Amino acid sequence: FLLLTALTLSFPQAPDAAALSKQAKAAMTSGRYGDAARIYRELLRLYPEDPGLKFNLGMAEFQAGNFRGAIPQLKAAVKAQPKLAPAWLVLGMAHLKLDEPAAAVDPLERSVGLEPRNPLAVFELADTLLSLKRFDDATAHFQALADLDPKDPRAWYGLGRCHLGLMRQAFDRLEQTAPGTPWHAALLGRSRLEQQQFGSAYYCF
């Protein structure tokens, strides 16, 4: 898991704002995410249109466990700055924390589109697609993860689960479209053989 940090901000024209920014960064670094969120809200009152501040507030809320509260800030950040890849990633992860995988797909796809070599973004997207049983799409992203790091066990485990899901889908379609055919009997026998149900497998073959 890669650590996501807040954007570094500078306010040369406002010493008080610069001091607040340093305080917020220190709070994030020390794990005082609630304090950081409070300071970023104060800064946003001074600079309400700043997308970096919106992302930082969303990030602080996310780290504090306030996933629902993080989403509006992250959406505002990417609306103002669509190429802010970390904001898309955290937005997708916030939806995942709320058990909303379908809502997570679009922001995760945007994050991967902007940073295709970010292994965290690629994995989160692949795993989300797998949870939605979109096995073909998930396979492509797990393969991309394996290409980034052939030693990453998540990639190979994910590919295995995708292939198993595709096999089950194919078997279900065969059962629906061609029950009782030799093809159906052969696949069923192979499945029984893999489960070491030898008598049943022999009968199918």
N, C-alpha and C. Protein backbone atom coordinates (compact mmCIF):
# COMPACT_ATOMS: atom_id res chain seq x y z
N PHE A 1 0.86 -1.18 0.00
CA PHE A 1 0.00 0.00 0.00
C PHE A 1 0.89 1.23 0.00
N LEU A 2 0.66 2.13 -0.97
CA LEU A 2 1.48 3.33 -1.06
C LEU A 2 0.88 4.45 -0.24
N LEU A 3 1.71 5.17 0.49
CA LEU A 3 1.24 6.28 1.30
C LEU A 3 0.91 7.46 0.41
N LEU A 4 -0.30 7.99 0.55
CA LEU A 4 -0.72 9.16 -0.20
C LEU A 4 -0.59 10.37 0.71
N THR A 5 0.10 11.38 0.25
CA THR A 5 0.34 12.55 1.08
C THR A 5 -0.35 13.76 0.49
N ALA A 6 -0.56 14.76 1.31
CA ALA A 6 -1.21 15.98 0.87
C ALA A 6 -0.29 16.77 -0.05
N LEU A 7 -0.90 17.60 -0.89
CA LEU A 7 -0.13 18.46 -1.76
C LEU A 7 0.54 19.56 -0.94
N THR A 8 1.74 19.92 -1.33
CA THR A 8 2.45 21.02 -0.68
C THR A 8 1.96 22.34 -1.26
N LEU A 9 1.54 23.22 -0.38
CA LEU A 9 0.98 24.49 -0.81
C LEU A 9 1.83 25.64 -0.28
N SER A 10 1.84 26.75 -1.01
CA SER A 10 2.57 27.94 -0.55
C SER A 10 1.69 29.16 -0.75
N PHE A 11 1.74 30.05 0.21
CA PHE A 11 0.94 31.27 0.17
C PHE A 11 1.85 32.46 0.48
N PRO A 12 2.68 32.88 -0.49
CA PRO A 12 3.65 33.92 -0.22
C PRO A 12 3.02 35.25 0.16
N GLN A 13 1.77 35.48 -0.29
CA GLN A 13 1.14 36.77 -0.03
C GLN A 13 0.40 36.79 1.31
N ALA A 14 0.32 35.65 1.99
CA ALA A 14 -0.45 35.58 3.22
C ALA A 14 0.32 34.76 4.25
N PRO A 15 1.13 35.42 5.09
CA PRO A 15 1.93 34.69 6.09
C PRO A 15 1.09 33.80 6.99
N ASP A 16 -0.10 34.28 7.39
CA ASP A 16 -0.94 33.46 8.26
C ASP A 16 -1.37 32.18 7.55
N ALA A 17 -1.71 32.29 6.27
CA ALA A 17 -2.11 31.11 5.51
C ALA A 17 -0.94 30.16 5.36
N ALA A 18 0.25 30.68 5.14
CA ALA A 18 1.43 29.83 5.02
C ALA A 18 1.69 29.08 6.33
N ALA A 19 1.49 29.76 7.45
CA ALA A 19 1.68 29.12 8.75
C ALA A 19 0.64 28.03 8.96
N LEU A 20 -0.60 28.30 8.56
CA LEU A 20 -1.65 27.29 8.68
C LEU A 20 -1.34 26.07 7.81
N SER A 21 -0.81 26.34 6.62
CA SER A 21 -0.46 25.24 5.72
C SER A 21 0.61 24.35 6.35
N LYS A 22 1.61 24.95 6.99
CA LYS A 22 2.65 24.18 7.67
C LYS A 22 2.07 23.37 8.82
N GLN A 23 1.13 23.98 9.55
CA GLN A 23 0.50 23.27 10.66
C GLN A 23 -0.29 22.06 10.16
N ALA A 24 -1.00 22.26 9.05
CA ALA A 24 -1.79 21.17 8.48
C ALA A 24 -0.88 20.04 8.02
N LYS A 25 0.21 20.38 7.35
CA LYS A 25 1.14 19.36 6.88
C LYS A 25 1.74 18.59 8.06
N ALA A 26 2.08 19.31 9.13
CA ALA A 26 2.63 18.65 10.31
C ALA A 26 1.61 17.72 10.94
N ALA A 27 0.35 18.15 10.95
CA ALA A 27 -0.71 17.30 11.51
C ALA A 27 -0.88 16.03 10.67
N MET A 28 -0.82 16.17 9.35
CA MET A 28 -0.93 15.00 8.48
C MET A 28 0.24 14.05 8.72
N THR A 29 1.44 14.60 8.82
CA THR A 29 2.64 13.77 8.99
C THR A 29 2.60 13.00 10.31
N SER A 30 2.04 13.63 11.33
CA SER A 30 2.00 12.99 12.66
C SER A 30 0.75 12.15 12.88
N GLY A 31 -0.09 12.05 11.85
CA GLY A 31 -1.29 11.21 11.96
C GLY A 31 -2.46 11.87 12.66
N ARG A 32 -2.41 13.19 12.85
CA ARG A 32 -3.53 13.91 13.48
C ARG A 32 -4.45 14.43 12.36
N TYR A 33 -5.15 13.48 11.73
CA TYR A 33 -5.90 13.81 10.52
C TYR A 33 -7.11 14.71 10.80
N GLY A 34 -7.73 14.53 11.96
CA GLY A 34 -8.84 15.40 12.31
C GLY A 34 -8.40 16.85 12.45
N ASP A 35 -7.24 17.07 13.08
CA ASP A 35 -6.71 18.43 13.20
C ASP A 35 -6.36 18.99 11.83
N ALA A 36 -5.78 18.14 10.97
CA ALA A 36 -5.43 18.59 9.63
C ALA A 36 -6.67 19.01 8.86
N ALA A 37 -7.74 18.22 8.97
CA ALA A 37 -8.98 18.56 8.27
C ALA A 37 -9.52 19.89 8.76
N ARG A 38 -9.46 20.13 10.05
CA ARG A 38 -9.95 21.40 10.60
C ARG A 38 -9.16 22.57 10.03
N ILE A 39 -7.84 22.43 9.95
CA ILE A 39 -7.00 23.51 9.43
C ILE A 39 -7.26 23.72 7.94
N TYR A 40 -7.41 22.63 7.19
CA TYR A 40 -7.67 22.78 5.75
C TYR A 40 -9.03 23.43 5.50
N ARG A 41 -10.02 23.15 6.34
CA ARG A 41 -11.30 23.84 6.21
C ARG A 41 -11.14 25.34 6.43
N GLU A 42 -10.29 25.68 7.40
CA GLU A 42 -10.02 27.10 7.66
C GLU A 42 -9.33 27.75 6.47
N LEU A 43 -8.37 27.04 5.87
CA LEU A 43 -7.68 27.57 4.69
C LEU A 43 -8.63 27.71 3.51
N LEU A 44 -9.57 26.79 3.38
CA LEU A 44 -10.52 26.87 2.27
C LEU A 44 -11.43 28.07 2.39
N ARG A 45 -11.67 28.51 3.61
CA ARG A 45 -12.46 29.74 3.77
C ARG A 45 -11.70 30.94 3.22
N LEU A 46 -10.35 30.87 3.26
CA LEU A 46 -9.53 31.94 2.71
C LEU A 46 -9.36 31.80 1.20
N TYR A 47 -9.27 30.56 0.73
CA TYR A 47 -9.03 30.29 -0.69
C TYR A 47 -10.04 29.24 -1.18
N PRO A 48 -11.30 29.62 -1.32
CA PRO A 48 -12.36 28.64 -1.60
C PRO A 48 -12.26 27.97 -2.97
N GLU A 49 -11.47 28.52 -3.90
CA GLU A 49 -11.39 27.95 -5.24
C GLU A 49 -10.13 27.11 -5.46
N ASP A 50 -9.34 26.93 -4.44
CA ASP A 50 -8.06 26.23 -4.60
C ASP A 50 -8.27 24.71 -4.66
N PRO A 51 -8.00 24.07 -5.82
CA PRO A 51 -8.24 22.61 -5.91
C PRO A 51 -7.29 21.80 -5.04
N GLY A 52 -6.06 22.31 -4.83
CA GLY A 52 -5.12 21.61 -3.97
C GLY A 52 -5.62 21.53 -2.54
N LEU A 53 -6.21 22.61 -2.06
CA LEU A 53 -6.76 22.61 -0.70
C LEU A 53 -7.94 21.65 -0.60
N LYS A 54 -8.76 21.61 -1.64
CA LYS A 54 -9.90 20.69 -1.63
C LYS A 54 -9.42 19.24 -1.58
N PHE A 55 -8.37 18.95 -2.35
CA PHE A 55 -7.81 17.59 -2.31
C PHE A 55 -7.24 17.30 -0.92
N ASN A 56 -6.48 18.23 -0.38
CA ASN A 56 -5.87 18.00 0.93
C ASN A 56 -6.93 17.78 2.01
N LEU A 57 -8.02 18.55 1.95
CA LEU A 57 -9.09 18.34 2.93
C LEU A 57 -9.73 16.98 2.72
N GLY A 58 -9.98 16.63 1.45
CA GLY A 58 -10.53 15.30 1.18
C GLY A 58 -9.62 14.19 1.66
N MET A 59 -8.30 14.38 1.47
CA MET A 59 -7.33 13.38 1.90
C MET A 59 -7.32 13.26 3.43
N ALA A 60 -7.38 14.39 4.11
CA ALA A 60 -7.39 14.38 5.57
C ALA A 60 -8.65 13.68 6.09
N GLU A 61 -9.79 13.97 5.48
CA GLU A 61 -11.04 13.32 5.89
C GLU A 61 -10.96 11.81 5.64
N PHE A 62 -10.39 11.43 4.50
CA PHE A 62 -10.25 10.01 4.18
C PHE A 62 -9.37 9.32 5.22
N GLN A 63 -8.23 9.91 5.52
CA GLN A 63 -7.31 9.31 6.49
C GLN A 63 -7.92 9.25 7.89
N ALA A 64 -8.82 10.20 8.17
CA ALA A 64 -9.48 10.22 9.48
C ALA A 64 -10.62 9.21 9.55
N GLY A 65 -10.94 8.56 8.42
CA GLY A 65 -12.02 7.58 8.40
C GLY A 65 -13.37 8.16 8.04
N ASN A 66 -13.40 9.44 7.71
CA ASN A 66 -14.66 10.09 7.31
C ASN A 66 -14.78 10.00 5.79
N PHE A 67 -15.04 8.80 5.29
CA PHE A 67 -15.03 8.57 3.84
C PHE A 67 -16.16 9.32 3.14
N ARG A 68 -17.33 9.35 3.76
CA ARG A 68 -18.46 10.06 3.15
C ARG A 68 -18.17 11.55 3.07
N GLY A 69 -17.53 12.09 4.10
CA GLY A 69 -17.20 13.51 4.09
C GLY A 69 -16.09 13.86 3.13
N ALA A 70 -15.24 12.87 2.80
CA ALA A 70 -14.13 13.14 1.87
C ALA A 70 -14.61 13.28 0.44
N ILE A 71 -15.68 12.59 0.08
CA ILE A 71 -16.10 12.52 -1.33
C ILE A 71 -16.43 13.88 -1.93
N PRO A 72 -17.23 14.74 -1.27
CA PRO A 72 -17.54 16.03 -1.91
C PRO A 72 -16.29 16.88 -2.16
N GLN A 73 -15.34 16.85 -1.25
CA GLN A 73 -14.11 17.63 -1.43
C GLN A 73 -13.28 17.09 -2.59
N LEU A 74 -13.19 15.78 -2.69
CA LEU A 74 -12.42 15.17 -3.78
C LEU A 74 -13.09 15.41 -5.13
N LYS A 75 -14.41 15.34 -5.16
CA LYS A 75 -15.14 15.64 -6.40
C LYS A 75 -14.93 17.09 -6.82
N ALA A 76 -14.92 17.99 -5.85
CA ALA A 76 -14.69 19.40 -6.16
C ALA A 76 -13.27 19.61 -6.68
N ALA A 77 -12.32 18.86 -6.14
CA ALA A 77 -10.93 18.99 -6.57
C ALA A 77 -10.75 18.54 -8.01
N VAL A 78 -11.33 17.39 -8.38
CA VAL A 78 -11.15 16.90 -9.75
C VAL A 78 -11.98 17.68 -10.75
N LYS A 79 -13.07 18.27 -10.28
CA LYS A 79 -13.85 19.13 -11.18
C LYS A 79 -13.04 20.36 -11.56
N ALA A 80 -12.32 20.91 -10.59
CA ALA A 80 -11.50 22.09 -10.85
C ALA A 80 -10.20 21.73 -11.56
N GLN A 81 -9.67 20.54 -11.30
CA GLN A 81 -8.39 20.12 -11.89
C GLN A 81 -8.51 18.64 -12.31
N PRO A 82 -9.07 18.38 -13.49
CA PRO A 82 -9.36 17.00 -13.91
C PRO A 82 -8.14 16.10 -14.02
N LYS A 83 -6.95 16.65 -14.12
CA LYS A 83 -5.75 15.83 -14.25
C LYS A 83 -5.07 15.55 -12.92
N LEU A 84 -5.78 15.80 -11.82
CA LEU A 84 -5.23 15.55 -10.49
C LEU A 84 -5.42 14.07 -10.15
N ALA A 85 -4.50 13.24 -10.64
CA ALA A 85 -4.63 11.78 -10.52
C ALA A 85 -4.79 11.30 -9.08
N PRO A 86 -4.02 11.80 -8.11
CA PRO A 86 -4.20 11.31 -6.73
C PRO A 86 -5.61 11.53 -6.19
N ALA A 87 -6.24 12.64 -6.60
CA ALA A 87 -7.60 12.91 -6.12
C ALA A 87 -8.59 11.88 -6.69
N TRP A 88 -8.43 11.53 -7.97
CA TRP A 88 -9.27 10.49 -8.56
C TRP A 88 -9.08 9.17 -7.82
N LEU A 89 -7.85 8.84 -7.50
CA LEU A 89 -7.56 7.59 -6.81
C LEU A 89 -8.21 7.54 -5.43
N VAL A 90 -8.02 8.60 -4.65
CA VAL A 90 -8.59 8.60 -3.29
C VAL A 90 -10.11 8.63 -3.36
N LEU A 91 -10.66 9.32 -4.37
CA LEU A 91 -12.12 9.32 -4.53
C LEU A 91 -12.63 7.90 -4.77
N GLY A 92 -11.96 7.17 -5.65
CA GLY A 92 -12.36 5.79 -5.87
C GLY A 92 -12.23 4.94 -4.62
N MET A 93 -11.15 5.13 -3.89
CA MET A 93 -10.93 4.35 -2.67
C MET A 93 -11.95 4.70 -1.59
N ALA A 94 -12.39 5.95 -1.56
CA ALA A 94 -13.42 6.34 -0.59
C ALA A 94 -14.72 5.59 -0.88
N HIS A 95 -15.08 5.48 -2.16
CA HIS A 95 -16.27 4.70 -2.52
C HIS A 95 -16.11 3.23 -2.14
N LEU A 96 -14.90 2.70 -2.31
CA LEU A 96 -14.66 1.31 -1.93
C LEU A 96 -14.83 1.12 -0.43
N LYS A 97 -14.34 2.08 0.36
CA LYS A 97 -14.48 1.98 1.82
C LYS A 97 -15.94 2.00 2.24
N LEU A 98 -16.79 2.63 1.41
CA LEU A 98 -18.22 2.70 1.70
C LEU A 98 -18.98 1.55 1.04
N ASP A 99 -18.24 0.56 0.52
CA ASP A 99 -18.84 -0.60 -0.15
C ASP A 99 -19.69 -0.16 -1.35
N GLU A 100 -19.12 0.73 -2.16
CA GLU A 100 -19.76 1.21 -3.38
C GLU A 100 -18.84 0.96 -4.57
N PRO A 101 -18.58 -0.31 -4.90
CA PRO A 101 -17.60 -0.59 -5.96
C PRO A 101 -18.00 -0.06 -7.32
N ALA A 102 -19.29 -0.09 -7.65
CA ALA A 102 -19.71 0.41 -8.96
C ALA A 102 -19.38 1.90 -9.11
N ALA A 103 -19.56 2.66 -8.02
CA ALA A 103 -19.25 4.09 -8.06
C ALA A 103 -17.75 4.35 -8.08
N ALA A 104 -16.96 3.36 -7.66
CA ALA A 104 -15.50 3.53 -7.61
C ALA A 104 -14.84 3.36 -8.97
N VAL A 105 -15.51 2.67 -9.91
CA VAL A 105 -14.86 2.31 -11.16
C VAL A 105 -14.43 3.53 -11.96
N ASP A 106 -15.32 4.49 -12.15
CA ASP A 106 -14.98 5.65 -12.99
C ASP A 106 -13.79 6.44 -12.45
N PRO A 107 -13.79 6.84 -11.17
CA PRO A 107 -12.61 7.57 -10.68
C PRO A 107 -11.33 6.74 -10.73
N LEU A 108 -11.42 5.44 -10.48
CA LEU A 108 -10.22 4.60 -10.56
C LEU A 108 -9.73 4.49 -12.00
N GLU A 109 -10.64 4.39 -12.96
CA GLU A 109 -10.24 4.35 -14.36
C GLU A 109 -9.56 5.66 -14.77
N ARG A 110 -10.08 6.76 -14.28
CA ARG A 110 -9.46 8.06 -14.59
C ARG A 110 -8.07 8.16 -13.97
N SER A 111 -7.93 7.65 -12.76
CA SER A 111 -6.61 7.67 -12.11
C SER A 111 -5.61 6.84 -12.89
N VAL A 112 -6.00 5.64 -13.31
CA VAL A 112 -5.11 4.78 -14.08
C VAL A 112 -4.81 5.39 -15.44
N GLY A 113 -5.81 6.04 -16.04
CA GLY A 113 -5.58 6.70 -17.32
C GLY A 113 -4.53 7.79 -17.23
N LEU A 114 -4.49 8.48 -16.09
CA LEU A 114 -3.51 9.56 -15.90
C LEU A 114 -2.16 9.02 -15.43
N GLU A 115 -2.18 7.95 -14.66
CA GLU A 115 -0.94 7.37 -14.13
C GLU A 115 -0.97 5.85 -14.32
N PRO A 116 -0.78 5.37 -15.54
CA PRO A 116 -0.90 3.93 -15.81
C PRO A 116 0.17 3.08 -15.15
N ARG A 117 1.22 3.69 -14.63
CA ARG A 117 2.29 2.93 -13.98
C ARG A 117 2.23 3.04 -12.45
N ASN A 118 1.10 3.50 -11.94
CA ASN A 118 0.91 3.56 -10.49
C ASN A 118 0.33 2.21 -10.04
N PRO A 119 1.11 1.36 -9.39
CA PRO A 119 0.63 0.01 -9.06
C PRO A 119 -0.57 0.01 -8.12
N LEU A 120 -0.65 0.99 -7.22
CA LEU A 120 -1.80 1.03 -6.31
C LEU A 120 -3.08 1.28 -7.09
N ALA A 121 -3.04 2.25 -8.00
CA ALA A 121 -4.23 2.57 -8.80
C ALA A 121 -4.63 1.39 -9.68
N VAL A 122 -3.64 0.76 -10.31
CA VAL A 122 -3.94 -0.37 -11.19
C VAL A 122 -4.54 -1.53 -10.40
N PHE A 123 -3.97 -1.81 -9.23
CA PHE A 123 -4.50 -2.92 -8.42
C PHE A 123 -5.92 -2.62 -7.94
N GLU A 124 -6.16 -1.41 -7.43
CA GLU A 124 -7.49 -1.07 -6.92
C GLU A 124 -8.54 -1.19 -8.02
N LEU A 125 -8.19 -0.75 -9.24
CA LEU A 125 -9.14 -0.85 -10.35
C LEU A 125 -9.37 -2.32 -10.71
N ALA A 126 -8.29 -3.10 -10.84
CA ALA A 126 -8.43 -4.51 -11.20
C ALA A 126 -9.27 -5.26 -10.16
N ASP A 127 -8.98 -5.03 -8.89
CA ASP A 127 -9.69 -5.74 -7.82
C ASP A 127 -11.16 -5.33 -7.77
N THR A 128 -11.44 -4.07 -8.04
CA THR A 128 -12.82 -3.60 -8.06
C THR A 128 -13.59 -4.24 -9.21
N LEU A 129 -13.00 -4.28 -10.39
CA LEU A 129 -13.64 -4.92 -11.53
C LEU A 129 -13.88 -6.41 -11.26
N LEU A 130 -12.93 -7.04 -10.59
CA LEU A 130 -13.10 -8.45 -10.24
C LEU A 130 -14.28 -8.64 -9.30
N SER A 131 -14.43 -7.74 -8.32
CA SER A 131 -15.55 -7.85 -7.38
C SER A 131 -16.89 -7.68 -8.07
N LEU A 132 -16.90 -6.96 -9.19
CA LEU A 132 -18.12 -6.76 -9.98
C LEU A 132 -18.32 -7.84 -11.03
N LYS A 133 -17.44 -8.84 -11.04
CA LYS A 133 -17.48 -9.96 -11.98
C LYS A 133 -17.29 -9.51 -13.43
N ARG A 134 -16.56 -8.42 -13.59
CA ARG A 134 -16.17 -7.98 -14.93
C ARG A 134 -14.80 -8.59 -15.22
N PHE A 135 -14.81 -9.90 -15.45
CA PHE A 135 -13.57 -10.67 -15.46
C PHE A 135 -12.64 -10.29 -16.62
N ASP A 136 -13.19 -10.02 -17.80
CA ASP A 136 -12.34 -9.65 -18.93
C ASP A 136 -11.58 -8.35 -18.65
N ASP A 137 -12.31 -7.34 -18.16
CA ASP A 137 -11.67 -6.05 -17.86
C ASP A 137 -10.67 -6.21 -16.72
N ALA A 138 -11.05 -6.97 -15.69
CA ALA A 138 -10.14 -7.17 -14.56
C ALA A 138 -8.87 -7.88 -15.00
N THR A 139 -9.00 -8.86 -15.90
CA THR A 139 -7.84 -9.59 -16.39
C THR A 139 -6.83 -8.66 -17.03
N ALA A 140 -7.31 -7.72 -17.84
CA ALA A 140 -6.41 -6.79 -18.52
C ALA A 140 -5.61 -5.96 -17.52
N HIS A 141 -6.25 -5.53 -16.44
CA HIS A 141 -5.55 -4.68 -15.47
C HIS A 141 -4.65 -5.50 -14.54
N PHE A 142 -5.05 -6.71 -14.19
CA PHE A 142 -4.13 -7.56 -13.42
C PHE A 142 -2.90 -7.90 -14.26
N GLN A 143 -3.09 -8.10 -15.57
CA GLN A 143 -1.95 -8.36 -16.44
C GLN A 143 -1.03 -7.14 -16.50
N ALA A 144 -1.63 -5.94 -16.53
CA ALA A 144 -0.83 -4.71 -16.51
C ALA A 144 -0.04 -4.60 -15.22
N LEU A 145 -0.67 -5.03 -14.10
CA LEU A 145 0.03 -5.02 -12.81
C LEU A 145 1.20 -6.00 -12.84
N ALA A 146 0.99 -7.16 -13.44
CA ALA A 146 2.07 -8.15 -13.55
C ALA A 146 3.19 -7.63 -14.43
N ASP A 147 2.85 -6.87 -15.47
CA ASP A 147 3.87 -6.29 -16.34
C ASP A 147 4.70 -5.24 -15.59
N LEU A 148 4.03 -4.50 -14.69
CA LEU A 148 4.75 -3.50 -13.90
C LEU A 148 5.72 -4.16 -12.93
N ASP A 149 5.28 -5.24 -12.32
CA ASP A 149 6.13 -5.95 -11.34
C ASP A 149 5.80 -7.43 -11.39
N PRO A 150 6.58 -8.21 -12.14
CA PRO A 150 6.30 -9.64 -12.26
C PRO A 150 6.35 -10.39 -10.93
N LYS A 151 6.92 -9.79 -9.89
CA LYS A 151 7.01 -10.46 -8.59
C LYS A 151 5.85 -10.09 -7.66
N ASP A 152 4.91 -9.29 -8.15
CA ASP A 152 3.79 -8.87 -7.31
C ASP A 152 2.79 -10.02 -7.20
N PRO A 153 2.63 -10.63 -6.04
CA PRO A 153 1.72 -11.78 -5.92
C PRO A 153 0.26 -11.41 -6.16
N ARG A 154 -0.09 -10.14 -5.92
CA ARG A 154 -1.48 -9.73 -6.12
C ARG A 154 -1.90 -9.88 -7.58
N ALA A 155 -0.94 -9.64 -8.49
CA ALA A 155 -1.24 -9.73 -9.91
C ALA A 155 -1.58 -11.16 -10.30
N TRP A 156 -0.76 -12.12 -9.87
CA TRP A 156 -0.96 -13.51 -10.27
C TRP A 156 -2.16 -14.13 -9.56
N TYR A 157 -2.36 -13.75 -8.31
CA TYR A 157 -3.55 -14.25 -7.61
C TYR A 157 -4.81 -13.71 -8.28
N GLY A 158 -4.78 -12.42 -8.64
CA GLY A 158 -5.92 -11.81 -9.31
C GLY A 158 -6.19 -12.45 -10.66
N LEU A 159 -5.14 -12.71 -11.42
CA LEU A 159 -5.31 -13.36 -12.72
C LEU A 159 -5.92 -14.75 -12.56
N GLY A 160 -5.47 -15.48 -11.54
CA GLY A 160 -6.03 -16.80 -11.30
C GLY A 160 -7.52 -16.73 -10.99
N ARG A 161 -7.91 -15.76 -10.17
CA ARG A 161 -9.33 -15.60 -9.82
C ARG A 161 -10.15 -15.19 -11.04
N CYS A 162 -9.56 -14.35 -11.89
CA CYS A 162 -10.25 -13.95 -13.12
C CYS A 162 -10.49 -15.14 -14.04
N HIS A 163 -9.46 -15.95 -14.22
CA HIS A 163 -9.58 -17.11 -15.10
C HIS A 163 -10.60 -18.10 -14.55
N LEU A 164 -10.63 -18.25 -13.23
CA LEU A 164 -11.63 -19.12 -12.62
C LEU A 164 -13.03 -18.58 -12.85
N GLY A 165 -13.18 -17.28 -12.70
CA GLY A 165 -14.49 -16.65 -12.94
C GLY A 165 -14.94 -16.80 -14.38
N LEU A 166 -14.00 -16.62 -15.32
CA LEU A 166 -14.34 -16.78 -16.74
C LEU A 166 -14.73 -18.22 -17.03
N MET A 167 -14.04 -19.17 -16.41
CA MET A 167 -14.36 -20.58 -16.63
C MET A 167 -15.77 -20.88 -16.12
N ARG A 168 -16.09 -20.36 -14.95
CA ARG A 168 -17.42 -20.61 -14.40
C ARG A 168 -18.50 -19.97 -15.26
N GLN A 169 -18.24 -18.77 -15.77
CA GLN A 169 -19.21 -18.12 -16.65
C GLN A 169 -19.43 -18.97 -17.91
N ALA A 170 -18.33 -19.47 -18.48
CA ALA A 170 -18.44 -20.29 -19.69
C ALA A 170 -19.23 -21.56 -19.40
N PHE A 171 -18.98 -22.18 -18.25
CA PHE A 171 -19.68 -23.40 -17.89
C PHE A 171 -21.17 -23.13 -17.70
N ASP A 172 -21.49 -21.99 -17.05
CA ASP A 172 -22.90 -21.63 -16.84
C ASP A 172 -23.60 -21.42 -18.18
N ARG A 173 -22.92 -20.75 -19.12
CA ARG A 173 -23.53 -20.54 -20.43
C ARG A 173 -23.74 -21.87 -21.15
N LEU A 174 -22.79 -22.78 -21.00
CA LEU A 174 -22.92 -24.09 -21.65
C LEU A 174 -24.09 -24.86 -21.05
N GLU A 175 -24.25 -24.77 -19.73
CA GLU A 175 -25.37 -25.45 -19.09
C GLU A 175 -26.71 -24.92 -19.58
N GLN A 176 -26.74 -23.59 -19.86
CA GLN A 176 -27.98 -22.97 -20.30
C GLN A 176 -28.28 -23.26 -21.77
N THR A 177 -27.22 -23.31 -22.58
CA THR A 177 -27.43 -23.41 -24.03
C THR A 177 -27.28 -24.82 -24.58
N ALA A 178 -26.53 -25.67 -23.88
CA ALA A 178 -26.29 -27.01 -24.43
C ALA A 178 -26.26 -28.07 -23.34
N PRO A 179 -27.31 -28.16 -22.53
CA PRO A 179 -27.32 -29.18 -21.48
C PRO A 179 -27.45 -30.58 -22.11
N GLY A 180 -26.79 -31.54 -21.49
CA GLY A 180 -26.90 -32.91 -21.97
C GLY A 180 -26.06 -33.26 -23.17
N THR A 181 -25.26 -32.31 -23.67
CA THR A 181 -24.41 -32.59 -24.82
C THR A 181 -23.08 -33.19 -24.36
N PRO A 182 -22.35 -33.83 -25.29
CA PRO A 182 -21.02 -34.36 -24.91
C PRO A 182 -20.09 -33.30 -24.34
N TRP A 183 -20.16 -32.07 -24.88
CA TRP A 183 -19.31 -30.99 -24.36
C TRP A 183 -19.63 -30.72 -22.89
N HIS A 184 -20.90 -30.68 -22.58
CA HIS A 184 -21.31 -30.42 -21.20
C HIS A 184 -20.85 -31.56 -20.28
N ALA A 185 -21.00 -32.79 -20.75
CA ALA A 185 -20.58 -33.94 -19.94
C ALA A 185 -19.07 -33.95 -19.73
N ALA A 186 -18.32 -33.56 -20.77
CA ALA A 186 -16.86 -33.54 -20.66
C ALA A 186 -16.39 -32.49 -19.66
N LEU A 187 -16.97 -31.28 -19.72
CA LEU A 187 -16.59 -30.23 -18.78
C LEU A 187 -16.98 -30.60 -17.36
N LEU A 188 -18.15 -31.18 -17.21
CA LEU A 188 -18.58 -31.58 -15.87
C LEU A 188 -17.66 -32.67 -15.33
N GLY A 189 -17.27 -33.59 -16.19
CA GLY A 189 -16.34 -34.63 -15.75
C GLY A 189 -15.00 -34.06 -15.35
N ARG A 190 -14.52 -33.08 -16.11
CA ARG A 190 -13.23 -32.44 -15.76
C ARG A 190 -13.33 -31.74 -14.40
N SER A 191 -14.46 -31.10 -14.17
CA SER A 191 -14.65 -30.42 -12.89
C SER A 191 -14.67 -31.43 -11.75
N ARG A 192 -15.36 -32.56 -11.94
CA ARG A 192 -15.41 -33.59 -10.89
C ARG A 192 -14.02 -34.19 -10.66
N LEU A 193 -13.26 -34.36 -11.74
CA LEU A 193 -11.92 -34.92 -11.62
C LEU A 193 -11.02 -34.02 -10.79
N GLU A 194 -11.11 -32.70 -11.03
CA GLU A 194 -10.29 -31.75 -10.27
C GLU A 194 -10.66 -31.76 -8.80
N GLN A 195 -11.93 -32.09 -8.50
CA GLN A 195 -12.37 -32.16 -7.10
C GLN A 195 -12.15 -33.55 -6.51
N GLN A 196 -11.47 -34.44 -7.28
CA GLN A 196 -11.16 -35.81 -6.87
C GLN A 196 -12.43 -36.62 -6.59
N GLN A 197 -13.50 -36.27 -7.30
CA GLN A 197 -14.74 -37.07 -7.23
C GLN A 197 -14.69 -38.06 -8.40
N PHE A 198 -13.88 -39.11 -8.23
CA PHE A 198 -13.51 -39.97 -9.36
C PHE A 198 -14.70 -40.77 -9.90
N GLY A 199 -15.55 -41.25 -9.02
CA GLY A 199 -16.71 -42.01 -9.49
C GLY A 199 -17.63 -41.17 -10.35
N SER A 200 -17.91 -39.95 -9.88
CA SER A 200 -18.76 -39.04 -10.64
C SER A 200 -18.12 -38.64 -11.94
N ALA A 201 -16.79 -38.40 -11.91
CA ALA A 201 -16.07 -38.04 -13.13
C ALA A 201 -16.13 -39.15 -14.15
N TYR A 202 -15.95 -40.41 -13.67
CA TYR A 202 -15.99 -41.58 -14.57
C TYR A 202 -17.35 -41.69 -15.25
N TYR A 203 -18.40 -41.43 -14.46
CA TYR A 203 -19.76 -41.50 -15.00
C TYR A 203 -19.96 -40.44 -16.10
N CYS A 204 -19.47 -39.23 -15.84
CA CYS A 204 -19.61 -38.15 -16.84
C CYS A 204 -18.84 -38.48 -18.12
N PHE A 205 -17.61 -38.96 -17.96
CA PHE A 205 -16.81 -39.27 -19.15
C PHE A 205 -17.43 -40.44 -19.93
